[in-house]
C-alpha atoms as a PDB file:
ATOM      1  CA  UNK A   1      -0.117  -0.120   0.049  1.00  0.00           C
ATOM      2  CA  UNK A   2       2.937   2.348   0.409  1.00  0.00           C
ATOM      3  CA  UNK A   3       3.641   2.426  -3.201  1.00  0.00           C
ATOM      4  CA  UNK A   4       0.014   3.228  -4.030  1.00  0.00           C
ATOM      5  CA  UNK A   5       0.601   7.025  -4.084  1.00  0.00           C
ATOM      6  CA  UNK A   6       3.348   6.518  -6.559  1.00  0.00           C
ATOM      7  CA  UNK A   7       1.283   4.531  -8.816  1.00  0.00           C
ATOM      8  CA  UNK A   8      -1.419   7.332  -8.906  1.00  0.00           C
ATOM      9  CA  UNK A   9       1.367  10.018  -9.447  1.00  0.00           C
ATOM     10  CA  UNK A  10       2.751   8.421 -12.637  1.00  0.00           C
ATOM     11  CA  UNK A  11      -0.361   8.385 -14.620  1.00  0.00           C
ATOM     12  CA  UNK A  12      -1.303  11.771 -13.434  1.00  0.00           C
ATOM     13  CA  UNK A  13       2.094  13.072 -14.519  1.00  0.00           C
ATOM     14  CA  UNK A  14       1.817  11.512 -18.006  1.00  0.00           C
ATOM     15  CA  UNK A  15      -1.670  13.024 -18.313  1.00  0.00           C
ATOM     16  CA  UNK A  16      -0.336  16.301 -17.666  1.00  0.00           C
ATOM     17  CA  UNK A  17       2.422  15.984 -20.096  1.00  0.00           C
ATOM     18  CA  UNK A  18       0.086  14.780 -22.805  1.00  0.00           C
ATOM     19  CA  UNK A  19      -2.308  17.674 -21.995  1.00  0.00           C
ATOM     20  CA  UNK A  20       0.503  20.310 -22.416  1.00  0.00           C
ATOM     21  CA  UNK A  21       1.497  18.674 -25.646  1.00  0.00           C
ATOM     22  CA  UNK A  22      -1.816  18.702 -27.115  1.00  0.00           C
ATOM     23  CA  UNK A  23      -2.426  22.235 -26.186  1.00  0.00           C
ATOM     24  CA  UNK A  24       0.706  23.354 -27.947  1.00  0.00           C
ATOM     25  CA  UNK A  25      -0.252  21.129 -30.887  1.00  0.00           C
ATOM     26  CA  UNK A  26      -3.735  22.529 -31.096  1.00  0.00           C
ATOM     27  CA  UNK A  27      -2.216  26.128 -31.448  1.00  0.00           C
ATOM     28  CA  UNK A  28       0.081  24.918 -34.001  1.00  0.00           C
ATOM     29  CA  UNK A  29      -2.942  23.378 -36.018  1.00  0.00           C
ATOM     30  CA  UNK A  30      -4.614  26.899 -36.488  1.00  0.00           C
ATOM     31  CA  UNK A  31      -5.114  27.461 -40.369  1.00  0.00           C
ATOM     32  CA  UNK A  32      -3.887  30.960 -41.310  1.00  0.00           C
ATOM     33  CA  UNK A  33      -4.303  32.971 -44.412  1.00  0.00           C
ATOM     34  CA  UNK A  34      -0.567  33.058 -45.053  1.00  0.00           C
ATOM     35  CA  UNK A  35      -0.385  29.202 -44.938  1.00  0.00           C
ATOM     36  CA  UNK A  36       0.335  27.418 -48.194  1.00  0.00           C
ATOM     37  CA  UNK A  37      -2.142  24.814 -49.577  1.00  0.00           C
ATOM     38  CA  UNK A  38       0.010  21.977 -48.345  1.00  0.00           C
ATOM     39  CA  UNK A  39       0.419  23.460 -44.858  1.00  0.00           C
ATOM     40  CA  UNK A  40      -3.283  23.945 -44.765  1.00  0.00           C
ATOM     41  CA  UNK A  41      -4.073  20.313 -45.807  1.00  0.00           C
ATOM     42  CA  UNK A  42      -1.581  18.997 -43.279  1.00  0.00           C
ATOM     43  CA  UNK A  43      -3.056  20.957 -40.459  1.00  0.00           C
ATOM     44  CA  UNK A  44      -6.507  19.599 -41.145  1.00  0.00           C
ATOM     45  CA  UNK A  45      -5.173  16.192 -41.333  1.00  0.00           C
ATOM     46  CA  UNK A  46      -3.415  16.692 -37.935  1.00  0.00           C
ATOM     47  CA  UNK A  47      -6.564  17.805 -36.378  1.00  0.00           C
ATOM     48  CA  UNK A  48      -8.285  14.662 -37.555  1.00  0.00           C
ATOM     49  CA  UNK A  49      -5.586  12.537 -35.986  1.00  0.00           C
ATOM     50  CA  UNK A  50      -6.160  14.212 -32.643  1.00  0.00           C
ATOM     51  CA  UNK A  51      -9.222  11.766 -32.332  1.00  0.00           C
ATOM     52  CA  UNK A  52     -12.922  12.111 -31.484  1.00  0.00           C
ATOM     53  CA  UNK A  53     -12.231  11.956 -27.801  1.00  0.00           C
ATOM     54  CA  UNK A  54     -10.150  15.205 -27.844  1.00  0.00           C
ATOM     55  CA  UNK A  55     -12.098  16.909 -30.450  1.00  0.00           C
ATOM     56  CA  UNK A  56     -13.858  19.333 -28.072  1.00  0.00           C
ATOM     57  CA  UNK A  57     -10.824  20.287 -25.955  1.00  0.00           C
ATOM     58  CA  UNK A  58      -8.751  20.652 -29.287  1.00  0.00           C
ATOM     59  CA  UNK A  59     -11.442  23.142 -30.877  1.00  0.00           C
ATOM     60  CA  UNK A  60     -11.565  25.093 -27.706  1.00  0.00           C
ATOM     61  CA  UNK A  61      -7.803  25.726 -27.655  1.00  0.00           C
ATOM     62  CA  UNK A  62      -7.816  26.306 -31.497  1.00  0.00           C
ATOM     63  CA  UNK A  63     -10.659  28.800 -31.026  1.00  0.00           C
ATOM     64  CA  UNK A  64      -8.860  30.768 -28.359  1.00  0.00           C
ATOM     65  CA  UNK A  65      -5.495  30.861 -30.352  1.00  0.00           C
ATOM     66  CA  UNK A  66      -7.536  32.007 -33.388  1.00  0.00           C
ATOM     67  CA  UNK A  67      -8.828  34.881 -31.589  1.00  0.00           C
ATOM     68  CA  UNK A  68      -5.364  35.877 -30.342  1.00  0.00           C
ATOM     69  CA  UNK A  69      -3.983  35.412 -33.876  1.00  0.00           C
ATOM     70  CA  UNK A  70      -6.567  37.639 -35.360  1.00  0.00           C
ATOM     71  CA  UNK A  71      -5.934  40.373 -32.680  1.00  0.00           C
ATOM     72  CA  UNK A  72      -2.236  40.247 -33.053  1.00  0.00           C
ATOM     73  CA  UNK A  73      -2.598  40.593 -36.911  1.00  0.00           C
ATOM     74  CA  UNK A  74      -5.049  43.470 -36.534  1.00  0.00           C
ATOM     75  CA  UNK A  75      -2.548  45.370 -34.187  1.00  0.00           C
ATOM     76  CA  UNK A  76       0.222  44.490 -36.648  1.00  0.00           C
ATOM     77  CA  UNK A  77      -1.759  46.244 -39.361  1.00  0.00           C
ATOM     78  CA  UNK A  78      -2.232  49.370 -37.347  1.00  0.00           C
ATOM     79  CA  UNK A  79       1.334  49.559 -36.152  1.00  0.00           C
ATOM     80  CA  UNK A  80       2.541  49.145 -39.674  1.00  0.00           C
ATOM     81  CA  UNK A  81       0.436  51.927 -40.833  1.00  0.00           C
ATOM     82  CA  UNK A  82       1.853  53.999 -38.097  1.00  0.00           C
ATOM     83  CA  UNK A  83       5.371  53.043 -39.194  1.00  0.00           C
ATOM     84  CA  UNK A  84       4.946  53.740 -42.808  1.00  0.00           C
ATOM     85  CA  UNK A  85       3.604  57.401 -42.158  1.00  0.00           C
ATOM     86  CA  UNK A  86       6.553  57.927 -39.785  1.00  0.00           C
ATOM     87  CA  UNK A  87       8.927  56.607 -42.414  1.00  0.00           C
ATOM     88  CA  UNK A  88       7.487  58.711 -45.129  1.00  0.00           C
ATOM     89  CA  UNK A  89       7.878  61.789 -42.937  1.00  0.00           C
ATOM     90  CA  UNK A  90      11.471  60.891 -42.245  1.00  0.00           C
ATOM     91  CA  UNK A  91      11.915  60.682 -45.943  1.00  0.00           C
ATOM     92  CA  UNK A  92      10.722  64.227 -46.360  1.00  0.00           C
ATOM     93  CA  UNK A  93      13.196  65.304 -43.453  1.00  0.00           C
ATOM     94  CA  UNK A  94      15.951  63.591 -45.552  1.00  0.00           C
ATOM     95  CA  UNK A  95      15.043  65.613 -48.430  1.00  0.00           C
ATOM     96  CA  UNK A  96      14.936  68.791 -46.454  1.00  0.00           C
ATOM     97  CA  UNK A  97      18.369  67.886 -45.223  1.00  0.00           C
ATOM     98  CA  UNK A  98      19.704  67.956 -48.957  1.00  0.00           C
ATOM     99  CA  UNK A  99      18.342  71.254 -49.559  1.00  0.00           C
ATOM    100  CA  UNK A 100      19.836  72.533 -46.263  1.00  0.00           C
ATOM    101  CA  UNK A 101      23.145  71.243 -47.521  1.00  0.00           C
ATOM    102  CA  UNK A 102      22.820  72.861 -50.883  1.00  0.00           C
ATOM    103  CA  UNK A 103      21.751  76.133 -49.112  1.00  0.00           C
ATOM    104  CA  UNK A 104      25.059  76.203 -46.998  1.00  0.00           C
ATOM    105  CA  UNK A 105      27.026  75.680 -50.326  1.00  0.00           C
ATOM    106  CA  UNK A 106      25.140  78.184 -52.318  1.00  0.00           C
ATOM    107  CA  UNK A 107      27.264  81.217 -53.532  1.00  0.00           C
ATOM    108  CA  UNK A 108      24.544  83.988 -53.967  1.00  0.00           C
ATOM    109  CA  UNK A 109      21.575  85.060 -51.899  1.00  0.00           C
ATOM    110  CA  UNK A 110      18.805  84.018 -54.561  1.00  0.00           C
ATOM    111  CA  UNK A 111      20.058  80.333 -54.413  1.00  0.00           C
ATOM    112  CA  UNK A 112      20.304  80.510 -50.590  1.00  0.00           C
ATOM    113  CA  UNK A 113      16.584  81.668 -50.340  1.00  0.00           C
ATOM    114  CA  UNK A 114      15.553  79.137 -52.941  1.00  0.00           C
ATOM    115  CA  UNK A 115      17.042  76.191 -51.033  1.00  0.00           C
ATOM    116  CA  UNK A 116      15.913  77.658 -47.579  1.00  0.00           C
ATOM    117  CA  UNK A 117      12.229  77.728 -48.852  1.00  0.00           C
ATOM    118  CA  UNK A 118      12.471  74.223 -50.089  1.00  0.00           C
ATOM    119  CA  UNK A 119      13.776  72.944 -46.945  1.00  0.00           C
ATOM    120  CA  UNK A 120      11.164  74.526 -44.973  1.00  0.00           C
ATOM    121  CA  UNK A 121       8.381  73.232 -47.408  1.00  0.00           C
ATOM    122  CA  UNK A 122       9.700  69.742 -47.018  1.00  0.00           C
ATOM    123  CA  UNK A 123       9.897  69.827 -43.304  1.00  0.00           C
ATOM    124  CA  UNK A 124       6.295  71.129 -43.174  1.00  0.00           C
ATOM    125  CA  UNK A 125       5.384  68.089 -45.467  1.00  0.00           C
ATOM    126  CA  UNK A 126       6.744  65.920 -42.914  1.00  0.00           C
ATOM    127  CA  UNK A 127       4.552  67.266 -40.051  1.00  0.00           C
ATOM    128  CA  UNK A 128       1.516  67.085 -42.406  1.00  0.00           C
ATOM    129  CA  UNK A 129       2.098  63.420 -43.169  1.00  0.00           C
ATOM    130  CA  UNK A 130       1.910  62.709 -39.526  1.00  0.00           C
ATOM    131  CA  UNK A 131      -1.381  64.681 -39.321  1.00  0.00           C
ATOM    132  CA  UNK A 132      -2.855  62.377 -41.702  1.00  0.00           C
ATOM    133  CA  UNK A 133      -2.131  59.393 -39.358  1.00  0.00           C
ATOM    134  CA  UNK A 134      -5.428  58.146 -37.499  1.00  0.00           C
ATOM    135  CA  UNK A 135      -4.997  56.600 -34.247  1.00  0.00           C
ATOM    136  CA  UNK A 136      -6.723  53.277 -33.549  1.00  0.00           C
ATOM    137  CA  UNK A 137      -7.314  50.888 -30.771  1.00  0.00           C
ATOM    138  CA  UNK A 138      -4.847  50.377 -27.878  1.00  0.00           C
ATOM    139  CA  UNK A 139      -1.878  51.729 -30.086  1.00  0.00           C
ATOM    140  CA  UNK A 140      -2.869  55.310 -29.744  1.00  0.00           C
ATOM    141  CA  UNK A 141      -0.068  56.198 -27.559  1.00  0.00           C
ATOM    142  CA  UNK A 142       2.339  54.915 -30.072  1.00  0.00           C
ATOM    143  CA  UNK A 143       0.813  57.124 -32.824  1.00  0.00           C
ATOM    144  CA  UNK A 144       1.016  60.120 -30.466  1.00  0.00           C
ATOM    145  CA  UNK A 145       4.601  59.596 -29.618  1.00  0.00           C
ATOM    146  CA  UNK A 146       5.592  59.252 -33.366  1.00  0.00           C
ATOM    147  CA  UNK A 147       3.872  62.371 -34.252  1.00  0.00           C
ATOM    148  CA  UNK A 148       5.416  64.449 -31.296  1.00  0.00           C
ATOM    149  CA  UNK A 149       9.012  63.069 -32.124  1.00  0.00           C
ATOM    150  CA  UNK A 150       8.421  64.115 -35.895  1.00  0.00           C
ATOM    151  CA  UNK A 151       7.409  67.575 -34.670  1.00  0.00           C
ATOM    152  CA  UNK A 152      10.397  67.892 -32.468  1.00  0.00           C
ATOM    153  CA  UNK A 153      12.841  66.711 -35.150  1.00  0.00           C
ATOM    154  CA  UNK A 154      11.401  69.267 -37.664  1.00  0.00           C
ATOM    155  CA  UNK A 155      11.646  72.066 -34.993  1.00  0.00           C
ATOM    156  CA  UNK A 156      15.267  71.195 -34.426  1.00  0.00           C
ATOM    157  CA  UNK A 157      15.888  71.233 -38.226  1.00  0.00           C
ATOM    158  CA  UNK A 158      14.398  74.677 -38.512  1.00  0.00           C
ATOM    159  CA  UNK A 159      16.564  75.977 -35.597  1.00  0.00           C
ATOM    160  CA  UNK A 160      19.546  74.561 -37.472  1.00  0.00           C
ATOM    161  CA  UNK A 161      18.556  76.637 -40.538  1.00  0.00           C
ATOM    162  CA  UNK A 162      17.950  79.827 -38.284  1.00  0.00           C
ATOM    163  CA  UNK A 163      21.454  79.404 -36.462  1.00  0.00           C
ATOM    164  CA  UNK A 164      23.301  78.878 -40.005  1.00  0.00           C
ATOM    165  CA  UNK A 165      21.690  81.923 -41.323  1.00  0.00           C
ATOM    166  CA  UNK A 166      23.003  83.892 -38.304  1.00  0.00           C
ATOM    167  CA  UNK A 167      26.358  82.195 -39.060  1.00  0.00           C
ATOM    168  CA  UNK A 168      26.413  80.574 -35.725  1.00  0.00           C
ATOM    169  CA  UNK A 169      27.849  77.148 -36.968  1.00  0.00           C
ATOM    170  CA  UNK A 170      28.476  75.644 -33.649  1.00  0.00           C
ATOM    171  CA  UNK A 171      24.822  75.933 -32.681  1.00  0.00           C
ATOM    172  CA  UNK A 172      23.613  74.771 -36.079  1.00  0.00           C
ATOM    173  CA  UNK A 173      25.898  71.677 -35.809  1.00  0.00           C
ATOM    174  CA  UNK A 174      24.523  71.081 -32.320  1.00  0.00           C
ATOM    175  CA  UNK A 175      20.931  71.147 -33.665  1.00  0.00           C
ATOM    176  CA  UNK A 176      21.788  68.913 -36.583  1.00  0.00           C
ATOM    177  CA  UNK A 177      23.299  66.233 -34.412  1.00  0.00           C
ATOM    178  CA  UNK A 178      20.361  66.394 -31.905  1.00  0.00           C
ATOM    179  CA  UNK A 179      17.839  66.041 -34.493  1.00  0.00           C
ATOM    180  CA  UNK A 180      19.558  63.124 -36.404  1.00  0.00           C
ATOM    181  CA  UNK A 181      20.235  61.362 -33.010  1.00  0.00           C
ATOM    182  CA  UNK A 182      16.402  61.579 -32.505  1.00  0.00           C
ATOM    183  CA  UNK A 183      15.811  60.364 -35.819  1.00  0.00           C
ATOM    184  CA  UNK A 184      17.831  57.102 -35.144  1.00  0.00           C
ATOM    185  CA  UNK A 185      16.014  56.481 -31.884  1.00  0.00           C
ATOM    186  CA  UNK A 186      12.770  56.930 -33.534  1.00  0.00           C
ATOM    187  CA  UNK A 187      13.880  54.271 -36.218  1.00  0.00           C
ATOM    188  CA  UNK A 188      14.901  52.156 -33.273  1.00  0.00           C
ATOM    189  CA  UNK A 189      11.370  52.457 -31.829  1.00  0.00           C
ATOM    190  CA  UNK A 190       9.960  51.417 -35.214  1.00  0.00           C
ATOM    191  CA  UNK A 191      12.118  48.313 -35.589  1.00  0.00           C
ATOM    192  CA  UNK A 192      11.200  47.442 -31.978  1.00  0.00           C
ATOM    193  CA  UNK A 193       7.556  47.069 -33.059  1.00  0.00           C
ATOM    194  CA  UNK A 194       8.427  44.413 -35.481  1.00  0.00           C
ATOM    195  CA  UNK A 195      10.266  42.538 -32.789  1.00  0.00           C
ATOM    196  CA  UNK A 196       7.127  42.497 -30.593  1.00  0.00           C
ATOM    197  CA  UNK A 197       4.638  41.816 -33.345  1.00  0.00           C
ATOM    198  CA  UNK A 198       5.845  39.679 -36.393  1.00  0.00           C
ATOM    199  CA  UNK A 199       2.841  40.930 -38.507  1.00  0.00           C
ATOM    200  CA  UNK A 200       4.113  44.510 -38.681  1.00  0.00           C
ATOM    201  CA  UNK A 201       7.033  44.164 -41.139  1.00  0.00           C
ATOM    202  CA  UNK A 202       8.209  41.680 -43.588  1.00  0.00           C
ATOM    203  CA  UNK A 203      11.839  40.545 -43.635  1.00  0.00           C
ATOM    204  CA  UNK A 204      12.679  42.805 -46.452  1.00  0.00           C
ATOM    205  CA  UNK A 205      10.958  45.797 -44.736  1.00  0.00           C
ATOM    206  CA  UNK A 206      13.063  45.245 -41.584  1.00  0.00           C
ATOM    207  CA  UNK A 207      16.393  45.196 -43.740  1.00  0.00           C
ATOM    208  CA  UNK A 208      15.184  48.559 -45.558  1.00  0.00           C
ATOM    209  CA  UNK A 209      14.545  50.200 -42.126  1.00  0.00           C
ATOM    210  CA  UNK A 210      17.936  48.899 -40.693  1.00  0.00           C
ATOM    211  CA  UNK A 211      19.702  50.432 -43.821  1.00  0.00           C
ATOM    212  CA  UNK A 212      17.957  53.860 -43.472  1.00  0.00           C
ATOM    213  CA  UNK A 213      18.774  53.911 -39.620  1.00  0.00           C
ATOM    214  CA  UNK A 214      22.436  53.163 -40.250  1.00  0.00           C
ATOM    215  CA  UNK A 215      22.767  56.110 -42.851  1.00  0.00           C
ATOM    216  CA  UNK A 216      20.999  58.445 -40.278  1.00  0.00           C
ATOM    217  CA  UNK A 217      23.454  57.065 -37.638  1.00  0.00           C
ATOM    218  CA  UNK A 218      26.371  58.051 -40.029  1.00  0.00           C
ATOM    219  CA  UNK A 219      25.046  61.554 -40.307  1.00  0.00           C
ATOM    220  CA  UNK A 220      25.207  62.008 -36.372  1.00  0.00           C
ATOM    221  CA  UNK A 221      28.958  61.675 -36.548  1.00  0.00           C
ATOM    222  CA  UNK A 222      29.758  63.991 -39.493  1.00  0.00           C
ATOM    223  CA  UNK A 223      30.373  67.660 -39.356  1.00  0.00           C
ATOM    224  CA  UNK A 224      27.741  70.007 -40.483  1.00  0.00           C
ATOM    225  CA  UNK A 225      25.998  68.877 -43.632  1.00  0.00           C
ATOM    226  CA  UNK A 226      29.346  67.267 -45.114  1.00  0.00           C
ATOM    227  CA  UNK A 227      27.746  64.155 -46.042  1.00  0.00           C
ATOM    228  CA  UNK A 228      24.607  63.419 -48.398  1.00  0.00           C
ATOM    229  CA  UNK A 229      21.359  62.683 -46.723  1.00  0.00           C
ATOM    230  CA  UNK A 230      20.055  59.235 -46.570  1.00  0.00           C
ATOM    231  CA  UNK A 231      18.008  57.970 -49.551  1.00  0.00           C
ATOM    232  CA  UNK A 232      15.088  56.025 -48.972  1.00  0.00           C
ATOM    233  CA  UNK A 233      12.283  54.404 -50.808  1.00  0.00           C
ATOM    234  CA  UNK A 234       9.599  52.743 -48.607  1.00  0.00           C
END
């Protein structure tokens, strides 16, 4: 009789292990839109092999995971939209940086004014792109943070222009570096969204964002407008 509890414990242990394996297996059998035809067929076949006795429990796990999958995918779509708006705004800031660089190299007042106007228009376009961004769901704080950061970067770029026009080169360089460092941090924030939710970016998207981030990082180490601004197509 002393061994009786152990006899009970062993089947119970096996039952728990089987339960956990089945729970994990059920989640892996959810048919997703991006699955290939062969994957979908394999998952359906796998669910049949679970057997009639476990069908109710399997369906419950599949149903719960299906809801979780749809919620995560929906959140990924919203976060991708936020990110694309922000990347387009950063692209306009990059174009403005090119105009500022041309302004600093211009030899006559008319050319300086021309590039100054172009730079300011592009910076305003960056802010306008963020105004088009519509906040949704539980990710409103992220949209608000992205908007605020772009506005702050644009203000720093405009301060850069003002100080350069006053021939205060040291102050202009400081604002250039501050703005570019902020862009790098913003791009890090965008990349982190893809880490937390695999439905935000494709692998190619991630590589593009990393490349854009590295080019802006290089600008933070350069002297005032000595390097061309990052090129990006997103």
